[in-house]
C-alpha atoms as a PDB file:
ATOM      1  CA  MET A   1     -28.751   6.765 111.428  1.00  0.00           C
ATOM      2  CA  GLU A   2     -29.076   7.787 107.821  1.00  0.00           C
ATOM      3  CA  ASN A   3     -29.244  11.011 106.025  1.00  0.00           C
ATOM      4  CA  LEU A   4     -32.327  12.722 107.493  1.00  0.00           C
ATOM      5  CA  ASP A   5     -33.724  13.978 104.166  1.00  0.00           C
ATOM      6  CA  VAL A   6     -33.456  10.544 102.628  1.00  0.00           C
ATOM      7  CA  MET A   7     -35.115   8.995 105.681  1.00  0.00           C
ATOM      8  CA  VAL A   8     -37.997  11.476 105.489  1.00  0.00           C
ATOM      9  CA  LEU A   9     -38.519  10.925 101.772  1.00  0.00           C
ATOM     10  CA  ARG A  10     -38.206   7.126 102.045  1.00  0.00           C
ATOM     11  CA  THR A  11     -40.801   7.030 104.846  1.00  0.00           C
ATOM     12  CA  LEU A  12     -43.157   9.351 102.985  1.00  0.00           C
ATOM     13  CA  ARG A  13     -42.779   7.137  99.863  1.00  0.00           C
ATOM     14  CA  ASP A  14     -43.692   4.071 101.928  1.00  0.00           C
ATOM     15  CA  TRP A  15     -46.736   5.822 103.394  1.00  0.00           C
ATOM     16  CA  ARG A  16     -47.972   6.820  99.957  1.00  0.00           C
ATOM     17  CA  ALA A  17     -47.230   3.457  98.408  1.00  0.00           C
ATOM     18  CA  ALA A  18     -49.337   1.879 101.135  1.00  0.00           C
ATOM     19  CA  GLY A  19     -52.250   4.110 100.166  1.00  0.00           C
ATOM     20  CA  ARG A  20     -52.024   6.375 103.195  1.00  0.00           C
ATOM     21  CA  ARG A  21     -52.660  10.042 103.073  1.00  0.00           C
ATOM     22  CA  ALA A  22     -49.776  12.293 104.082  1.00  0.00           C
ATOM     23  CA  LEU A  23     -48.188  15.699 103.636  1.00  0.00           C
ATOM     24  CA  LEU A  24     -44.768  17.036 103.100  1.00  0.00           C
ATOM     25  CA  ALA A  25     -43.758  20.279 104.852  1.00  0.00           C
ATOM     26  CA  THR A  26     -40.738  22.293 103.682  1.00  0.00           C
ATOM     27  CA  VAL A  27     -39.233  25.380 105.368  1.00  0.00           C
ATOM     28  CA  VAL A  28     -39.120  27.874 102.519  1.00  0.00           C
ATOM     29  CA  ARG A  29     -38.484  31.211 104.308  1.00  0.00           C
ATOM     30  CA  THR A  30     -37.341  32.398 107.724  1.00  0.00           C
ATOM     31  CA  TRP A  31     -37.199  35.781 109.342  1.00  0.00           C
ATOM     32  CA  GLY A  32     -35.093  36.492 112.416  1.00  0.00           C
ATOM     33  CA  SER A  33     -33.914  33.494 114.380  1.00  0.00           C
ATOM     34  CA  SER A  34     -35.142  30.089 113.262  1.00  0.00           C
ATOM     35  CA  PRO A  35     -34.744  26.647 114.863  1.00  0.00           C
ATOM     36  CA  ARG A  36     -34.430  24.905 111.510  1.00  0.00           C
ATOM     37  CA  PRO A  37     -32.775  26.195 108.272  1.00  0.00           C
ATOM     38  CA  VAL A  38     -34.482  26.831 104.946  1.00  0.00           C
ATOM     39  CA  GLY A  39     -34.877  23.573 103.035  1.00  0.00           C
ATOM     40  CA  SER A  40     -35.611  21.428 106.121  1.00  0.00           C
ATOM     41  CA  ILE A  41     -38.426  18.962 105.609  1.00  0.00           C
ATOM     42  CA  MET A  42     -40.785  16.778 107.566  1.00  0.00           C
ATOM     43  CA  ALA A  43     -43.556  14.351 106.637  1.00  0.00           C
ATOM     44  CA  LEU A  44     -46.822  13.802 108.461  1.00  0.00           C
ATOM     45  CA  CYS A  45     -48.982  10.713 108.017  1.00  0.00           C
ATOM     46  CA  GLU A  46     -52.734  10.582 108.466  1.00  0.00           C
ATOM     47  CA  ASP A  47     -52.306   8.596 111.745  1.00  0.00           C
ATOM     48  CA  GLY A  48     -50.191  11.362 113.220  1.00  0.00           C
ATOM     49  CA  SER A  49     -46.805   9.777 112.639  1.00  0.00           C
ATOM     50  CA  VAL A  50     -44.061  12.316 111.881  1.00  0.00           C
ATOM     51  CA  VAL A  51     -40.572  11.983 110.501  1.00  0.00           C
ATOM     52  CA  GLY A  52     -38.172  14.921 110.126  1.00  0.00           C
ATOM     53  CA  SER A  53     -38.420  18.364 111.660  1.00  0.00           C
ATOM     54  CA  VAL A  54     -39.259  21.950 110.801  1.00  0.00           C
ATOM     55  CA  SER A  55     -38.901  23.407 114.317  1.00  0.00           C
ATOM     56  CA  GLY A  56     -38.053  22.438 117.831  1.00  0.00           C
ATOM     57  CA  GLY A  57     -41.302  20.415 118.055  1.00  0.00           C
ATOM     58  CA  CYS A  58     -44.091  22.937 118.704  1.00  0.00           C
ATOM     59  CA  ILE A  59     -44.914  23.561 115.033  1.00  0.00           C
ATOM     60  CA  GLU A  60     -44.852  19.777 114.460  1.00  0.00           C
ATOM     61  CA  ASP A  61     -47.338  19.421 117.286  1.00  0.00           C
ATOM     62  CA  ASP A  62     -49.627  22.018 115.755  1.00  0.00           C
ATOM     63  CA  LEU A  63     -49.501  20.366 112.269  1.00  0.00           C
ATOM     64  CA  ILE A  64     -50.237  16.975 113.876  1.00  0.00           C
ATOM     65  CA  TYR A  65     -53.169  18.470 115.777  1.00  0.00           C
ATOM     66  CA  GLN A  66     -54.704  20.135 112.695  1.00  0.00           C
ATOM     67  CA  TYR A  67     -54.139  17.598 109.987  1.00  0.00           C
ATOM     68  CA  SER A  68     -54.154  14.170 111.652  1.00  0.00           C
ATOM     69  CA  ARG A  69     -57.378  15.226 113.444  1.00  0.00           C
ATOM     70  CA  ALA A  70     -58.820  16.245 110.128  1.00  0.00           C
ATOM     71  CA  TYR A  71     -57.834  12.942 108.590  1.00  0.00           C
ATOM     72  CA  LYS A  72     -59.362  10.982 111.447  1.00  0.00           C
ATOM     73  CA  GLU A  73     -62.590  12.916 111.350  1.00  0.00           C
ATOM     74  CA  GLY A  74     -62.907  12.446 107.626  1.00  0.00           C
ATOM     75  CA  GLN A  75     -62.762  16.153 106.839  1.00  0.00           C
ATOM     76  CA  SER A  76     -62.079  17.190 103.310  1.00  0.00           C
ATOM     77  CA  MET A  77     -58.363  17.800 102.926  1.00  0.00           C
ATOM     78  CA  PRO A  78     -56.718  19.972 100.260  1.00  0.00           C
ATOM     79  CA  VAL A  79     -55.495  18.133  97.174  1.00  0.00           C
ATOM     80  CA  GLY A  80     -53.414  19.239  94.239  1.00  0.00           C
ATOM     81  CA  ALA A  81     -51.992  22.708  94.765  1.00  0.00           C
ATOM     82  CA  PRO A  82     -49.652  23.086  97.757  1.00  0.00           C
ATOM     83  CA  ALA A  83     -50.210  25.834 100.277  1.00  0.00           C
ATOM     84  CA  PHE A  84     -48.006  28.234 102.229  1.00  0.00           C
ATOM     85  CA  VAL A  85     -48.434  28.706 105.961  1.00  0.00           C
ATOM     86  CA  LYS A  86     -46.556  31.036 108.345  1.00  0.00           C
ATOM     87  CA  TYR A  87     -45.766  30.516 111.994  1.00  0.00           C
ATOM     88  CA  GLY A  88     -44.560  33.086 114.549  1.00  0.00           C
ATOM     89  CA  ILE A  89     -45.899  36.220 112.830  1.00  0.00           C
ATOM     90  CA  THR A  90     -46.710  37.934 116.158  1.00  0.00           C
ATOM     91  CA  ALA A  91     -44.897  37.847 119.456  1.00  0.00           C
ATOM     92  CA  ASP A  92     -47.705  35.813 120.967  1.00  0.00           C
ATOM     93  CA  GLU A  93     -47.473  33.229 118.193  1.00  0.00           C
ATOM     94  CA  ALA A  94     -43.745  33.081 118.482  1.00  0.00           C
ATOM     95  CA  HIS A  95     -44.120  32.370 122.185  1.00  0.00           C
ATOM     96  CA  ARG A  96     -46.908  29.794 121.562  1.00  0.00           C
ATOM     97  CA  PHE A  97     -44.883  27.864 118.944  1.00  0.00           C
ATOM     98  CA  GLY A  98     -41.610  28.071 120.799  1.00  0.00           C
ATOM     99  CA  LEU A  99     -39.831  30.182 118.256  1.00  0.00           C
ATOM    100  CA  PRO A 100     -37.022  32.449 119.285  1.00  0.00           C
ATOM    101  CA  CYS A 101     -37.937  36.062 119.969  1.00  0.00           C
ATOM    102  CA  GLY A 102     -38.854  37.660 116.681  1.00  0.00           C
ATOM    103  CA  GLY A 103     -38.575  34.376 114.794  1.00  0.00           C
ATOM    104  CA  THR A 104     -40.912  33.672 111.899  1.00  0.00           C
ATOM    105  CA  LEU A 105     -40.854  30.841 109.426  1.00  0.00           C
ATOM    106  CA  GLU A 106     -42.936  29.911 106.353  1.00  0.00           C
ATOM    107  CA  LEU A 107     -43.721  26.371 105.257  1.00  0.00           C
ATOM    108  CA  LEU A 108     -44.910  24.951 101.989  1.00  0.00           C
ATOM    109  CA  LEU A 109     -47.349  22.073 102.563  1.00  0.00           C
ATOM    110  CA  GLU A 110     -47.740  19.456  99.806  1.00  0.00           C
ATOM    111  CA  TYR A 111     -50.773  17.229 100.212  1.00  0.00           C
ATOM    112  CA  ASP A 112     -50.495  13.511  99.180  1.00  0.00           C
ATOM    113  CA  PRO A 113     -47.329  13.875  97.117  1.00  0.00           C
ATOM    114  CA  ASP A 114     -47.179  11.692  93.996  1.00  0.00           C
ATOM    115  CA  THR A 115     -45.954   8.193  94.875  1.00  0.00           C
ATOM    116  CA  GLN A 116     -44.029   7.555  91.645  1.00  0.00           C
ATOM    117  CA  ALA A 117     -42.139  10.885  91.868  1.00  0.00           C
ATOM    118  CA  LEU A 118     -41.157  10.035  95.462  1.00  0.00           C
ATOM    119  CA  THR A 119     -40.055   6.565  94.378  1.00  0.00           C
ATOM    120  CA  ASP A 120     -37.930   7.980  91.542  1.00  0.00           C
ATOM    121  CA  LEU A 121     -36.369  10.536  93.871  1.00  0.00           C
ATOM    122  CA  VAL A 122     -35.487   8.066  96.650  1.00  0.00           C
ATOM    123  CA  THR A 123     -34.058   5.605  94.085  1.00  0.00           C
ATOM    124  CA  ALA A 124     -31.827   8.324  92.648  1.00  0.00           C
ATOM    125  CA  LEU A 125     -30.606   9.414  96.119  1.00  0.00           C
ATOM    126  CA  GLU A 126     -29.911   5.786  97.099  1.00  0.00           C
ATOM    127  CA  SER A 127     -27.759   5.398  94.013  1.00  0.00           C
ATOM    128  CA  GLY A 128     -25.617   8.383  95.087  1.00  0.00           C
ATOM    129  CA  ARG A 129     -27.053  11.053  92.788  1.00  0.00           C
ATOM    130  CA  LEU A 130     -27.589  14.703  93.637  1.00  0.00           C
ATOM    131  CA  MET A 131     -31.139  15.676  92.672  1.00  0.00           C
ATOM    132  CA  GLN A 132     -33.303  18.775  92.145  1.00  0.00           C
ATOM    133  CA  ARG A 133     -36.973  18.453  93.051  1.00  0.00           C
ATOM    134  CA  MET A 134     -39.233  21.077  91.451  1.00  0.00           C
ATOM    135  CA  VAL A 135     -42.757  21.618  92.629  1.00  0.00           C
ATOM    136  CA  ARG A 136     -45.200  23.564  90.465  1.00  0.00           C
ATOM    137  CA  LEU A 137     -47.313  25.665  92.785  1.00  0.00           C
ATOM    138  CA  ALA A 138     -50.331  25.808  90.496  1.00  0.00           C
ATOM    139  CA  ASP A 139     -51.083  22.087  90.838  1.00  0.00           C
ATOM    140  CA  GLY A 140     -48.347  20.421  92.869  1.00  0.00           C
ATOM    141  CA  VAL A 141     -46.903  18.543  89.930  1.00  0.00           C
ATOM    142  CA  VAL A 142     -43.297  17.410  90.659  1.00  0.00           C
ATOM    143  CA  SER A 143     -40.413  17.086  88.225  1.00  0.00           C
ATOM    144  CA  LEU A 144     -36.882  15.785  88.913  1.00  0.00           C
ATOM    145  CA  ASN A 145     -33.550  16.633  87.426  1.00  0.00           C
ATOM    146  CA  GLU A 146     -30.067  15.507  88.303  1.00  0.00           C
ATOM    147  CA  ALA A 147     -27.997  18.389  89.718  1.00  0.00           C
ATOM    148  CA  THR A 148     -24.310  19.037  89.279  1.00  0.00           C
ATOM    149  CA  ALA A 149     -23.756  20.970  92.513  1.00  0.00           C
ATOM    150  CA  PRO A 150     -25.676  21.590  95.731  1.00  0.00           C
ATOM    151  CA  GLU A 151     -27.851  24.733  95.635  1.00  0.00           C
ATOM    152  CA  GLU A 152     -29.921  26.706  98.135  1.00  0.00           C
ATOM    153  CA  LEU A 153     -33.654  26.259  98.056  1.00  0.00           C
ATOM    154  CA  ARG A 154     -35.412  28.634  95.628  1.00  0.00           C
ATOM    155  CA  VAL A 155     -39.064  29.639  95.634  1.00  0.00           C
ATOM    156  CA  ASP A 156     -40.974  32.149  93.548  1.00  0.00           C
ATOM    157  CA  ASP A 157     -44.579  32.756  92.373  1.00  0.00           C
ATOM    158  CA  THR A 158     -44.554  29.659  90.140  1.00  0.00           C
ATOM    159  CA  GLY A 159     -42.617  26.979  91.969  1.00  0.00           C
ATOM    160  CA  LEU A 160     -40.199  25.664  94.510  1.00  0.00           C
ATOM    161  CA  VAL A 161     -36.810  24.010  93.769  1.00  0.00           C
ATOM    162  CA  ASN A 162     -35.049  22.051  96.534  1.00  0.00           C
ATOM    163  CA  THR A 163     -31.799  20.111  96.045  1.00  0.00           C
ATOM    164  CA  PHE A 164     -31.379  16.786  97.825  1.00  0.00           C
ATOM    165  CA  GLY A 165     -28.073  15.045  98.181  1.00  0.00           C
ATOM    166  CA  PRO A 166     -27.227  11.399  98.716  1.00  0.00           C
ATOM    167  CA  GLU A 167     -26.073  10.194 102.075  1.00  0.00           C
ATOM    168  CA  TYR A 168     -22.753  11.316 103.487  1.00  0.00           C
ATOM    169  CA  ARG A 169     -20.499   8.282 103.688  1.00  0.00           C
ATOM    170  CA  MET A 170     -17.553   7.356 105.861  1.00  0.00           C
ATOM    171  CA  LEU A 171     -15.039   4.615 105.178  1.00  0.00           C
ATOM    172  CA  LEU A 172     -13.014   3.605 108.228  1.00  0.00           C
ATOM    173  CA  ILE A 173      -9.884   1.464 107.903  1.00  0.00           C
ATOM    174  CA  GLY A 174      -9.487  -0.790 110.885  1.00  0.00           C
ATOM    175  CA  ALA A 175     -12.083  -2.234 113.216  1.00  0.00           C
ATOM    176  CA  GLY A 176     -10.550  -1.458 116.670  1.00  0.00           C
ATOM    177  CA  GLN A 177     -12.008   0.264 119.690  1.00  0.00           C
ATOM    178  CA  LEU A 178     -11.430   3.778 118.412  1.00  0.00           C
ATOM    179  CA  THR A 179     -13.305   2.858 115.216  1.00  0.00           C
ATOM    180  CA  GLU A 180     -16.250   1.644 117.210  1.00  0.00           C
ATOM    181  CA  TYR A 181     -16.587   5.008 118.951  1.00  0.00           C
ATOM    182  CA  LEU A 182     -16.036   6.981 115.722  1.00  0.00           C
ATOM    183  CA  ALA A 183     -18.470   4.808 113.764  1.00  0.00           C
ATOM    184  CA  THR A 184     -21.155   5.247 116.461  1.00  0.00           C
ATOM    185  CA  MET A 185     -20.777   9.075 116.351  1.00  0.00           C
ATOM    186  CA  ALA A 186     -20.784   9.033 112.508  1.00  0.00           C
ATOM    187  CA  LEU A 187     -23.951   6.996 112.424  1.00  0.00           C
ATOM    188  CA  PHE A 188     -25.930   9.324 114.698  1.00  0.00           C
ATOM    189  CA  SER A 189     -24.463  12.299 112.779  1.00  0.00           C
ATOM    190  CA  GLY A 190     -26.148  10.922 109.560  1.00  0.00           C
ATOM    191  CA  PHE A 191     -23.284   9.119 107.856  1.00  0.00           C
ATOM    192  CA  ALA A 192     -23.547   5.724 106.213  1.00  0.00           C
ATOM    193  CA  VAL A 193     -20.548   3.912 107.647  1.00  0.00           C
ATOM    194  CA  THR A 194     -18.361   1.214 106.092  1.00  0.00           C
ATOM    195  CA  VAL A 195     -15.589  -0.421 108.134  1.00  0.00           C
ATOM    196  CA  CYS A 196     -12.817  -2.282 106.420  1.00  0.00           C
ATOM    197  CA  ASP A 197     -10.510  -4.693 108.149  1.00  0.00           C
ATOM    198  CA  PRO A 198      -8.939  -7.811 106.610  1.00  0.00           C
ATOM    199  CA  ARG A 199      -7.868  -8.996 110.076  1.00  0.00           C
ATOM    200  CA  GLU A 200     -10.397 -11.612 111.303  1.00  0.00           C
ATOM    201  CA  GLU A 201      -9.573 -11.121 114.984  1.00  0.00           C
ATOM    202  CA  TYR A 202     -10.671  -7.466 114.773  1.00  0.00           C
ATOM    203  CA  ARG A 203     -13.749  -8.115 112.726  1.00  0.00           C
ATOM    204  CA  GLY A 204     -14.866 -10.864 115.135  1.00  0.00           C
ATOM    205  CA  ALA A 205     -14.996  -8.394 117.989  1.00  0.00           C
ATOM    206  CA  TRP A 206     -16.968  -5.769 116.133  1.00  0.00           C
ATOM    207  CA  HIS A 207     -20.372  -4.981 117.671  1.00  0.00           C
ATOM    208  CA  VAL A 208     -21.616  -1.617 116.381  1.00  0.00           C
ATOM    209  CA  GLN A 209     -24.966  -2.128 114.647  1.00  0.00           C
ATOM    210  CA  GLY A 210     -25.594  -0.194 111.474  1.00  0.00           C
ATOM    211  CA  ALA A 211     -22.047  -0.176 110.056  1.00  0.00           C
ATOM    212  CA  ASN A 212     -21.217  -2.316 107.013  1.00  0.00           C
ATOM    213  CA  VAL A 213     -18.089  -4.388 107.784  1.00  0.00           C
ATOM    214  CA  VAL A 214     -15.986  -5.778 104.901  1.00  0.00           C
ATOM    215  CA  ALA A 215     -12.880  -7.971 104.873  1.00  0.00           C
ATOM    216  CA  ASP A 216     -11.129  -7.093 101.619  1.00  0.00           C
ATOM    217  CA  MET A 217      -7.788  -5.266 101.448  1.00  0.00           C
ATOM    218  CA  PRO A 218      -8.254  -1.569 102.253  1.00  0.00           C
ATOM    219  CA  ASP A 219      -6.988  -0.187  98.888  1.00  0.00           C
ATOM    220  CA  ASP A 220      -9.415  -2.466  96.991  1.00  0.00           C
ATOM    221  CA  VAL A 221     -12.200  -1.360  99.302  1.00  0.00           C
ATOM    222  CA  VAL A 222     -11.465   2.323  98.632  1.00  0.00           C
ATOM    223  CA  THR A 223     -11.610   1.714  94.886  1.00  0.00           C
ATOM    224  CA  ALA A 224     -14.886  -0.120  95.180  1.00  0.00           C
ATOM    225  CA  PHE A 225     -16.245   2.493  97.582  1.00  0.00           C
ATOM    226  CA  ARG A 226     -15.722   5.244  94.962  1.00  0.00           C
ATOM    227  CA  PRO A 227     -15.485   8.174  97.380  1.00  0.00           C
ATOM    228  CA  ASP A 228     -17.189  11.346  96.205  1.00  0.00           C
ATOM    229  CA  ARG A 229     -17.572  14.863  97.550  1.00  0.00           C
ATOM    230  CA  ARG A 230     -19.885  13.562 100.278  1.00  0.00           C
ATOM    231  CA  SER A 231     -17.403  10.870 101.417  1.00  0.00           C
ATOM    232  CA  CYS A 232     -14.552  10.730 103.944  1.00  0.00           C
ATOM    233  CA  VAL A 233     -11.858   8.079 104.404  1.00  0.00           C
ATOM    234  CA  VAL A 234     -10.106   7.659 107.721  1.00  0.00           C
ATOM    235  CA  ALA A 235      -7.273   5.214 108.454  1.00  0.00           C
ATOM    236  CA  LEU A 236      -7.145   3.969 112.028  1.00  0.00           C
ATOM    237  CA  THR A 237      -4.971   0.867 112.117  1.00  0.00           C
ATOM    238  CA  HIS A 238      -1.442   2.276 112.654  1.00  0.00           C
ATOM    239  CA  ASP A 239      -0.305  -0.434 110.260  1.00  0.00           C
ATOM    240  CA  PRO A 240       1.345   0.969 107.122  1.00  0.00           C
ATOM    241  CA  LYS A 241       0.500  -2.218 105.165  1.00  0.00           C
ATOM    242  CA  LEU A 242      -3.198  -1.494 105.625  1.00  0.00           C
ATOM    243  CA  ASP A 243      -3.313   2.343 105.813  1.00  0.00           C
ATOM    244  CA  ASP A 244      -0.828   3.635 103.278  1.00  0.00           C
ATOM    245  CA  LEU A 245      -2.254   2.218  99.988  1.00  0.00           C
ATOM    246  CA  ALA A 246      -5.842   2.971 101.099  1.00  0.00           C
ATOM    247  CA  LEU A 247      -4.870   6.579 101.750  1.00  0.00           C
ATOM    248  CA  LEU A 248      -3.136   6.872  98.399  1.00  0.00           C
ATOM    249  CA  GLU A 249      -6.210   5.578  96.637  1.00  0.00           C
ATOM    250  CA  ALA A 250      -8.437   7.949  98.632  1.00  0.00           C
ATOM    251  CA  LEU A 251      -6.333  10.955  97.672  1.00  0.00           C
ATOM    252  CA  LYS A 252      -7.088  10.285  93.984  1.00  0.00           C
ATOM    253  CA  THR A 253     -10.801  10.829  94.679  1.00  0.00           C
ATOM    254  CA  GLU A 254     -13.060  13.774  95.499  1.00  0.00           C
ATOM    255  CA  ALA A 255     -13.442  12.734  99.143  1.00  0.00           C
ATOM    256  CA  PHE A 256     -13.870  15.837 101.241  1.00  0.00           C
ATOM    257  CA  TYR A 257     -11.707  14.399 104.056  1.00  0.00           C
ATOM    258  CA  VAL A 258      -8.789  11.926 103.962  1.00  0.00           C
ATOM    259  CA  GLY A 259      -6.806  11.369 107.135  1.00  0.00           C
ATOM    260  CA  ALA A 260      -4.975   8.982 109.403  1.00  0.00           C
ATOM    261  CA  ILE A 261      -4.526   8.520 113.107  1.00  0.00           C
ATOM    262  CA  GLY A 262      -1.046   8.623 114.572  1.00  0.00           C
ATOM    263  CA  SER A 263       1.501  10.755 116.426  1.00  0.00           C
ATOM    264  CA  ARG A 264       3.314  13.619 114.779  1.00  0.00           C
ATOM    265  CA  ARG A 265       6.375  11.379 114.281  1.00  0.00           C
ATOM    266  CA  ASN A 266       4.315   8.555 112.745  1.00  0.00           C
ATOM    267  CA  ASN A 267       2.550  10.965 110.388  1.00  0.00           C
ATOM    268  CA  GLU A 268       5.848  12.428 109.229  1.00  0.00           C
ATOM    269  CA  ALA A 269       7.211   8.907 108.678  1.00  0.00           C
ATOM    270  CA  ARG A 270       4.063   8.090 106.607  1.00  0.00           C
ATOM    271  CA  ARG A 271       4.627  11.107 104.360  1.00  0.00           C
ATOM    272  CA  GLU A 272       8.297  10.194 103.891  1.00  0.00           C
ATOM    273  CA  ARG A 273       7.332   6.640 102.919  1.00  0.00           C
ATOM    274  CA  MET A 274       4.781   7.891 100.401  1.00  0.00           C
ATOM    275  CA  ILE A 275       7.252  10.255  98.804  1.00  0.00           C
ATOM    276  CA  GLU A 276      10.197   7.790  98.794  1.00  0.00           C
ATOM    277  CA  HIS A 277       8.377   4.566  97.780  1.00  0.00           C
ATOM    278  CA  PHE A 278       5.327   5.762  95.902  1.00  0.00           C
ATOM    279  CA  GLY A 279       6.540   8.894  94.117  1.00  0.00           C
ATOM    280  CA  GLU A 280       4.278  11.269  95.919  1.00  0.00           C
ATOM    281  CA  THR A 281       5.159  14.934  96.496  1.00  0.00           C
ATOM    282  CA  GLU A 282       4.330  17.378  99.238  1.00  0.00           C
ATOM    283  CA  GLU A 283       1.803  18.908  96.799  1.00  0.00           C
ATOM    284  CA  SER A 284       0.113  15.568  96.095  1.00  0.00           C
ATOM    285  CA  LEU A 285      -0.113  14.875  99.831  1.00  0.00           C
ATOM    286  CA  ALA A 286      -1.463  18.308 100.703  1.00  0.00           C
ATOM    287  CA  ARG A 287      -4.952  16.945 101.273  1.00  0.00           C
ATOM    288  CA  LEU A 288      -3.772  14.149 103.626  1.00  0.00           C
ATOM    289  CA  ARG A 289      -4.691  15.090 107.186  1.00  0.00           C
ATOM    290  CA  GLY A 290      -2.728  13.880 110.127  1.00  0.00           C
ATOM    291  CA  PRO A 291      -2.517  13.800 113.034  1.00  0.00           C
ATOM    292  CA  ILE A 292      -6.261  13.957 112.653  1.00  0.00           C
ATOM    293  CA  GLY A 293      -8.697  15.652 115.033  1.00  0.00           C
ATOM    294  CA  ILE A 294      -8.810  18.927 116.831  1.00  0.00           C
ATOM    295  CA  TYR A 295      -6.747  19.416 119.935  1.00  0.00           C
ATOM    296  CA  ILE A 296      -8.839  18.909 123.072  1.00  0.00           C
ATOM    297  CA  GLY A 297      -6.203  17.101 125.145  1.00  0.00           C
ATOM    298  CA  SER A 298      -7.838  13.770 124.381  1.00  0.00           C
ATOM    299  CA  LYS A 299      -6.267  10.607 125.685  1.00  0.00           C
ATOM    300  CA  THR A 300      -8.850   7.852 125.703  1.00  0.00           C
ATOM    301  CA  PRO A 301     -10.302   6.229 122.518  1.00  0.00           C
ATOM    302  CA  SER A 302     -13.716   7.862 123.134  1.00  0.00           C
ATOM    303  CA  GLU A 303     -12.200  11.335 123.563  1.00  0.00           C
ATOM    304  CA  ILE A 304      -9.987  10.879 120.439  1.00  0.00           C
ATOM    305  CA  ALA A 305     -13.143   9.883 118.535  1.00  0.00           C
ATOM    306  CA  VAL A 306     -14.872  13.130 119.625  1.00  0.00           C
ATOM    307  CA  SER A 307     -11.816  15.079 118.448  1.00  0.00           C
ATOM    308  CA  VAL A 308     -11.755  13.361 115.068  1.00  0.00           C
ATOM    309  CA  MET A 309     -15.511  13.556 114.489  1.00  0.00           C
ATOM    310  CA  ALA A 310     -15.454  17.306 115.352  1.00  0.00           C
ATOM    311  CA  GLU A 311     -12.836  17.938 112.659  1.00  0.00           C
ATOM    312  CA  ILE A 312     -14.653  15.846 110.063  1.00  0.00           C
ATOM    313  CA  LEU A 313     -17.916  17.761 110.696  1.00  0.00           C
ATOM    314  CA  ALA A 314     -16.127  21.091 110.557  1.00  0.00           C
ATOM    315  CA  VAL A 315     -14.657  20.204 107.143  1.00  0.00           C
ATOM    316  CA  LYS A 316     -17.969  18.851 105.943  1.00  0.00           C
ATOM    317  CA  ASN A 317     -19.741  22.081 107.008  1.00  0.00           C
ATOM    318  CA  GLY A 318     -17.103  24.362 105.463  1.00  0.00           C
ATOM    319  CA  VAL A 319     -15.819  25.696 108.804  1.00  0.00           C
ATOM    320  CA  ALA A 320     -12.194  26.807 108.744  1.00  0.00           C
ATOM    321  CA  LEU A 321     -10.657  25.817 112.088  1.00  0.00           C
ATOM    322  CA  PRO A 322      -7.865  27.960 113.630  1.00  0.00           C
ATOM    323  CA  ARG A 323      -4.489  26.419 113.076  1.00  0.00           C
ATOM    324  CA  ASP A 324      -3.835  26.287 116.801  1.00  0.00           C
ATOM    325  CA  MET A 325      -6.723  23.786 117.087  1.00  0.00           C
ATOM    326  CA  GLU A 326      -4.888  21.284 114.832  1.00  0.00           C
ATOM    327  CA  VAL A 327      -3.321  18.518 116.880  1.00  0.00           C
ATOM    328  CA  ALA A 328       0.159  18.938 115.476  1.00  0.00           C
ATOM    329  CA  ASN A 329       0.253  22.717 115.778  1.00  0.00           C
ATOM    330  CA  ALA A 330      -1.248  22.707 119.243  1.00  0.00           C
ATOM    331  CA  LYS A 331       1.253  20.095 120.546  1.00  0.00           C
ATOM    332  CA  ASN A 332       4.172  21.923 118.949  1.00  0.00           C
ATOM    333  CA  LEU A 333       3.055  25.090 120.641  1.00  0.00           C
ATOM    334  CA  ARG A 334       2.734  23.396 124.031  1.00  0.00           C
ATOM    335  CA  THR A 335       6.173  21.835 123.590  1.00  0.00           C
ATOM    336  CA  ALA A 336       7.663  25.252 122.788  1.00  0.00           C
ATOM    337  CA  GLN A 337       6.112  26.735 125.949  1.00  0.00           C
ATOM    338  CA  LEU A 338       7.550  24.094 128.286  1.00  0.00           C
ATOM    339  CA  PRO A 339      10.453  25.248 130.555  1.00  0.00           C
ATOM    340  CA  ALA A 340      13.890  24.454 129.127  1.00  0.00           C
END
C-alpha cells in the first residue's frame, strides 16, 4: 500500500488524463468529533469509483449518489469555481451520515481538476518533494510550490492551501521472517518498503509482494536510499558486518527512526563497537534505537513485528511513549522485581 494522498492524486490524474469527469473532495473544517482529520481527500469518478476517504463511508455514499447519478443522467455539473458543502449540521443529519454525536464537517469540492496541475503535483511527490497545492476559490485555478516543512491546511475567503508530502519510506536490513512480517505491516500502513540483503539464500525465500528487494551491501544501499525526514531504517540481521555500517550511515541522515533488533546485551555490544572502532560517541549514537519496539511481552516474529511497527508509528506521529514501554527499561524493571 502506498501513501494514501499520493494514491488518490495519482488515480484522479489518471481519470482526468483519460478524459473522464471527476471531483476532488477535501475536508477543510470540522466541528466536534470527526471521523477524518482536516486535509483528508477523496476523489470521485463519473462512474461512481471512489478512492480515498472523508468519513467512515456514509458521506462518500451520499457524494456517489448525488454526483455519479448526475454524471450518468447527463445533468449539467458545476465547472470552474469549487464549492463548499457541510455535513452533519443537525442531529438528524449527523445520524443519517454516520457522524459522531455533534460532529460536523465541511468539504471543498473541486470539479474536473486540471490534468496538467495534477500531473505536475504527482510527479513532484513521486520524486520525494514536499508540495503546497493552492486552489483559488474564485475560479478553481491551481498553483504549486515546493514547501520546506509540513503545514496544516489553510482556507480563507480567497483560497485553500494544502500541503502534500511524499511517501513515507522504510529501509529494512535483512530479509528474514521477522522482516517479512514488518514489511507487510509497513506496506498496509502506507510505507514504501525496500529490503536489503546481500545474502542470496535469504533473498531467494522472500515472498512479500510490494517490497523492493536489493542485493547490494547495506551501507551502500543506505547511501543510495538517501533517507529523509519521512524515512526510517531498521536493521534486523543480528550480523554486525551487515548492520553496523548501515546504521552508522543512517545516523548521518534526517531519518526519523534508526534502530536495530537485538537483546539488551547485543545492543550494548553494538554501541561499544561503534565507539571503539568507528570513533562514535554516546552523543552521536543518541538517535540509535535498540532494543527496538515497545514492550508487549512479544516472543514470536509476528509479535515482535507488531512491537516494532507500533514504536515506528508512534515516533512518526510525534507520540512520546512512556519510558517503561521501552523494551530495555521494561525488562530491567521486571528483572529488578524478581525475587532474589
